[in-house]
């Protein structure tokens, strides 16, 4: 499972991933060149982080 998140929604993305998978989340910062096309899973802002499980 993978979710994309902006700065505003990172706490929500982490909470949702833990609730859905019951696993410790992995949070990775998105590189500048990938930000252009990647949108947050919760709004229309550019994503800053990828939150995933193993």
Protein backbone atom coordinates (compact mmCIF):
# COMPACT_ATOMS: atom_id res chain seq x y z
CA UNK A 1 0.00 0.00 0.00
CA UNK A 2 1.27 3.45 -0.90
CA UNK A 3 -0.16 6.92 -0.23
CA UNK A 4 1.14 10.28 -1.39
CA UNK A 5 0.95 13.22 0.99
CA UNK A 6 1.59 16.96 1.12
CA UNK A 7 2.99 18.66 4.24
CA UNK A 8 -0.53 19.40 5.50
CA UNK A 9 -1.84 15.82 5.33
CA UNK A 10 1.23 13.81 6.41
CA UNK A 11 -0.16 13.07 9.90
CA UNK A 12 -3.44 11.87 8.40
CA UNK A 13 -1.64 9.68 5.84
CA UNK A 14 0.49 8.05 8.55
CA UNK A 15 -2.56 7.43 10.75
CA UNK A 16 -4.60 5.98 7.88
CA UNK A 17 -1.82 3.62 6.79
CA UNK A 18 -1.38 2.30 10.33
CA UNK A 19 -5.15 1.86 10.72
CA UNK A 20 -5.45 0.01 7.39
CA UNK A 21 -2.33 -2.20 7.54
CA UNK A 22 -1.58 -2.37 11.30
CA UNK A 23 2.11 -2.07 10.37
CA UNK A 24 4.74 0.57 11.05
CA UNK A 25 4.67 3.08 8.15
CA UNK A 26 7.67 3.99 6.01
CA UNK A 27 7.85 7.68 5.13
CA UNK A 28 10.04 8.80 2.21
CA UNK A 29 10.54 12.32 0.89
CA UNK A 30 9.77 12.81 -2.81
CA UNK A 31 12.58 14.25 -4.91
CA UNK A 32 12.01 17.64 -6.56
CA UNK A 33 11.75 16.26 -10.10
CA UNK A 34 8.99 13.80 -9.04
CA UNK A 35 6.93 16.49 -7.27
CA UNK A 36 5.73 18.05 -10.52
CA UNK A 37 3.36 15.21 -11.44
CA UNK A 38 2.59 13.62 -8.06
CA UNK A 39 -0.50 14.86 -6.23
CA UNK A 40 -1.45 14.36 -2.58
CA UNK A 41 -3.94 11.50 -2.01
CA UNK A 42 -6.11 13.86 0.08
CA UNK A 43 -6.03 17.16 -1.84
CA UNK A 44 -4.75 18.71 -5.08
CA UNK A 45 -1.42 19.96 -3.68
CA UNK A 46 1.86 18.47 -4.87
CA UNK A 47 2.91 15.51 -2.75
CA UNK A 48 5.99 15.89 -0.56
CA UNK A 49 6.06 12.37 0.95
CA UNK A 50 5.32 8.77 0.04
CA UNK A 51 3.91 6.78 2.95
CA UNK A 52 3.99 3.01 2.52
CA UNK A 53 4.13 -0.30 4.33
CA UNK A 54 6.74 -2.99 3.75
